[in-house]
Amino acid sequence: LLACDDAIYLKRAIKSIAQKQGLQASFMAKPLVDQAGSGLHIHASVLDANGDNIFASTPEAPADTLKHAIGGLQRGARDSLLLFAPHANSYRRFVLNAFVPLNDAWGYNNRTVAMRIPHSNQANTRIEHRIAGADANPYLVTAAVLAGILHGLETKGDPGPPIVGNAYEQ
């Protein structure tokens, strides 16, 4: 909740400062046709009762919990798309070769997939959920991401193999 609160406060602060400078700040997902859009990427990991990351693993041997969580996120992606892209303009962000996910693929350190596992040490293994745009409500997006992770952990979701290379071409 604190991260969501901070996201809202940051947007308000930026808009206020811009207004004082005679400018206008926009958090549209794709305000300019010829430039990249803006996303609301959620980085998530889960800690157990001892404070250990249940996703801790390597690309060569991904943890089952990591794969299950991604599988749950994939299952919920389509049902949650209205939360991730709440306005007509939101969909303008989804264009080929713009480092925006166009499907529910996952992969390691791959900016062409929806669920990216950023390069990190094992203790910091996390899922970067990359579907939502900057115009989405951070509370609703975070709730949908957490629900997807929980669903995957409970049902032992299978995300399939990670994408290597350009997901747009695959």
Protein backbone atom coordinates (compact mmCIF):
# COMPACT_ATOMS: atom_id res chain seq x y z
CA LEU A 1 0.00 0.00 0.00
CA LEU A 2 2.84 2.37 0.80
CA ALA A 3 4.31 1.99 -2.69
CA CYS A 4 0.89 2.72 -4.22
CA ASP A 5 0.47 5.76 -1.96
CA ASP A 6 3.92 6.99 -3.00
CA ALA A 7 3.04 6.58 -6.70
CA ILE A 8 -0.07 8.74 -6.25
CA TYR A 9 1.80 11.38 -4.22
CA LEU A 10 4.59 11.47 -6.83
CA LYS A 11 2.11 12.08 -9.66
CA ARG A 12 0.47 14.88 -7.66
CA ALA A 13 3.82 16.47 -6.84
CA ILE A 14 5.00 16.33 -10.45
CA LYS A 15 1.75 17.84 -11.73
CA SER A 16 1.91 20.61 -9.12
CA ILE A 17 5.53 21.49 -9.89
CA ALA A 18 4.84 21.45 -13.63
CA GLN A 19 1.84 23.74 -13.17
CA LYS A 20 3.96 26.20 -11.15
CA GLN A 21 6.42 26.26 -14.06
CA GLY A 22 3.64 26.95 -16.57
CA LEU A 23 3.84 23.40 -17.89
CA GLN A 24 1.49 20.45 -17.89
CA ALA A 25 2.53 16.96 -16.77
CA SER A 26 0.72 14.02 -18.31
CA PHE A 27 0.52 10.45 -17.12
CA MET A 28 -1.22 9.17 -20.22
CA ALA A 29 0.03 5.78 -21.35
CA LYS A 30 0.86 7.13 -24.83
CA PRO A 31 0.54 10.92 -25.07
CA LEU A 32 2.68 11.28 -28.22
CA VAL A 33 2.28 9.03 -31.25
CA ASP A 34 5.93 9.22 -32.33
CA GLN A 35 7.45 8.59 -28.89
CA ALA A 36 7.53 5.70 -26.45
CA GLY A 37 4.70 5.38 -23.95
CA SER A 38 4.89 5.18 -20.18
CA GLY A 39 4.28 2.05 -18.15
CA LEU A 40 3.36 1.21 -14.58
CA HIS A 41 5.66 -1.74 -14.00
CA ILE A 42 5.17 -3.63 -10.74
CA HIS A 43 8.17 -5.46 -9.26
CA ALA A 44 7.05 -8.22 -6.91
CA SER A 45 8.66 -10.88 -4.79
CA VAL A 46 7.25 -12.87 -1.89
CA LEU A 47 8.98 -13.39 1.44
CA ASP A 48 8.31 -16.37 3.69
CA ALA A 49 7.90 -16.21 7.49
CA ASN A 50 11.70 -16.09 7.88
CA GLY A 51 12.04 -13.18 5.46
CA ASP A 52 13.50 -15.34 2.69
CA ASN A 53 12.48 -14.71 -0.93
CA ILE A 54 10.48 -17.72 -2.17
CA PHE A 55 11.41 -16.84 -5.77
CA ALA A 56 15.18 -16.97 -5.08
CA SER A 57 16.75 -18.88 -7.96
CA THR A 58 18.85 -18.62 -11.09
CA PRO A 59 17.90 -18.54 -14.77
CA GLU A 60 19.46 -21.98 -15.14
CA ALA A 61 17.30 -23.41 -12.33
CA PRO A 62 14.18 -21.26 -11.74
CA ALA A 63 12.32 -21.94 -8.50
CA ASP A 64 9.02 -23.75 -8.86
CA THR A 65 7.36 -20.97 -6.87
CA LEU A 66 8.63 -18.39 -9.37
CA LYS A 67 7.26 -20.39 -12.30
CA HIS A 68 3.94 -21.00 -10.53
CA ALA A 69 3.55 -17.28 -9.77
CA ILE A 70 4.24 -16.37 -13.40
CA GLY A 71 1.72 -18.99 -14.52
CA GLY A 72 -0.90 -17.35 -12.32
CA LEU A 73 -0.07 -13.91 -13.72
CA GLN A 74 -0.47 -15.26 -17.23
CA ARG A 75 -3.88 -16.74 -16.39
CA GLY A 76 -5.10 -13.45 -14.95
CA ALA A 77 -3.60 -11.09 -17.53
CA ARG A 78 -6.52 -11.12 -19.98
CA ASP A 79 -9.17 -10.86 -17.25
CA SER A 80 -7.32 -7.90 -15.69
CA LEU A 81 -6.53 -5.99 -18.88
CA LEU A 82 -9.15 -3.33 -18.16
CA LEU A 83 -7.30 -2.57 -14.91
CA PHE A 84 -3.94 -2.46 -16.73
CA ALA A 85 -5.24 -0.37 -19.65
CA PRO A 86 -8.28 1.58 -18.36
CA HIS A 87 -8.66 4.15 -21.16
CA ALA A 88 -8.90 4.16 -24.94
CA ASN A 89 -5.51 5.90 -25.08
CA SER A 90 -4.01 3.09 -22.96
CA TYR A 91 -4.11 0.74 -25.93
CA ARG A 92 -2.02 3.06 -28.13
CA ARG A 93 0.97 2.05 -26.00
CA PHE A 94 0.77 -1.55 -27.23
CA VAL A 95 2.79 -1.28 -30.45
CA LEU A 96 5.35 -3.57 -32.01
CA ASN A 97 9.03 -3.03 -31.14
CA ALA A 98 8.37 -0.44 -28.41
CA PHE A 99 9.48 -2.61 -25.46
CA VAL A 100 5.85 -3.05 -24.49
CA PRO A 101 4.47 -6.56 -23.94
CA LEU A 102 2.09 -7.74 -26.65
CA ASN A 103 1.38 -11.15 -25.12
CA ASP A 104 1.71 -12.97 -21.77
CA ALA A 105 5.22 -14.31 -22.37
CA TRP A 106 7.91 -14.34 -19.69
CA GLY A 107 11.68 -14.37 -19.73
CA TYR A 108 14.88 -13.35 -18.04
CA ASN A 109 16.09 -9.77 -18.47
CA ASN A 110 13.95 -9.51 -21.61
CA ARG A 111 12.13 -6.25 -22.29
CA THR A 112 9.89 -7.77 -24.96
CA VAL A 113 7.92 -9.99 -22.53
CA ALA A 114 5.05 -9.23 -20.15
CA MET A 115 6.61 -10.86 -17.07
CA ARG A 116 10.31 -10.10 -16.92
CA ILE A 117 12.72 -11.51 -14.37
CA PRO A 118 15.33 -8.73 -14.06
CA HIS A 119 18.98 -9.65 -13.66
CA SER A 120 19.79 -9.78 -9.94
CA ASN A 121 21.35 -11.95 -7.29
CA GLN A 122 19.27 -14.89 -6.04
CA ALA A 123 18.01 -13.13 -2.91
CA ASN A 124 16.54 -10.32 -5.04
CA THR A 125 14.81 -12.49 -7.66
CA ARG A 126 11.55 -10.77 -8.56
CA ILE A 127 8.90 -10.57 -11.23
CA GLU A 128 8.55 -7.32 -13.15
CA HIS A 129 4.95 -7.19 -14.36
CA ARG A 130 5.13 -4.90 -17.40
CA ILE A 131 1.61 -4.77 -18.83
CA ALA A 132 0.02 -1.74 -17.10
CA GLY A 133 0.37 1.79 -18.43
CA ALA A 134 1.11 4.96 -16.48
CA ASP A 135 -2.59 5.87 -16.58
CA ALA A 136 -3.61 2.80 -14.56
CA ASN A 137 -4.63 2.91 -10.90
CA PRO A 138 -1.62 1.58 -8.94
CA TYR A 139 -3.84 0.11 -6.21
CA LEU A 140 -5.92 -1.91 -8.68
CA VAL A 141 -2.89 -3.00 -10.71
CA THR A 142 -1.04 -4.13 -7.59
CA ALA A 143 -4.10 -6.00 -6.34
CA ALA A 144 -4.45 -7.78 -9.70
CA VAL A 145 -0.74 -8.68 -9.74
CA LEU A 146 -0.85 -10.04 -6.19
CA ALA A 147 -4.04 -11.97 -6.95
CA GLY A 148 -2.38 -13.50 -10.03
CA ILE A 149 0.68 -14.51 -8.03
CA LEU A 150 -1.49 -16.06 -5.30
CA HIS A 151 -3.59 -17.92 -7.88
CA GLY A 152 -0.47 -19.33 -9.50
CA LEU A 153 1.02 -20.43 -6.19
CA GLU A 154 -2.24 -22.10 -5.14
CA THR A 155 -2.87 -23.86 -8.47
CA LYS A 156 0.78 -24.53 -9.34
CA GLY A 157 0.49 -22.61 -12.60
CA ASP A 158 2.77 -23.56 -15.48
CA PRO A 159 4.04 -20.59 -17.51
CA GLY A 160 5.78 -22.68 -20.14
CA PRO A 161 9.41 -22.07 -21.03
CA PRO A 162 10.90 -18.58 -20.81
CA ILE A 163 11.26 -16.64 -24.06
CA VAL A 164 14.82 -16.17 -25.20
CA GLY A 165 15.30 -13.42 -27.76
CA ASN A 166 12.66 -11.15 -29.25
CA ALA A 167 9.16 -12.13 -28.07
CA TYR A 168 7.63 -9.99 -30.84
CA GLU A 169 9.13 -12.30 -33.44
CA GLN A 170 8.04 -15.45 -31.60
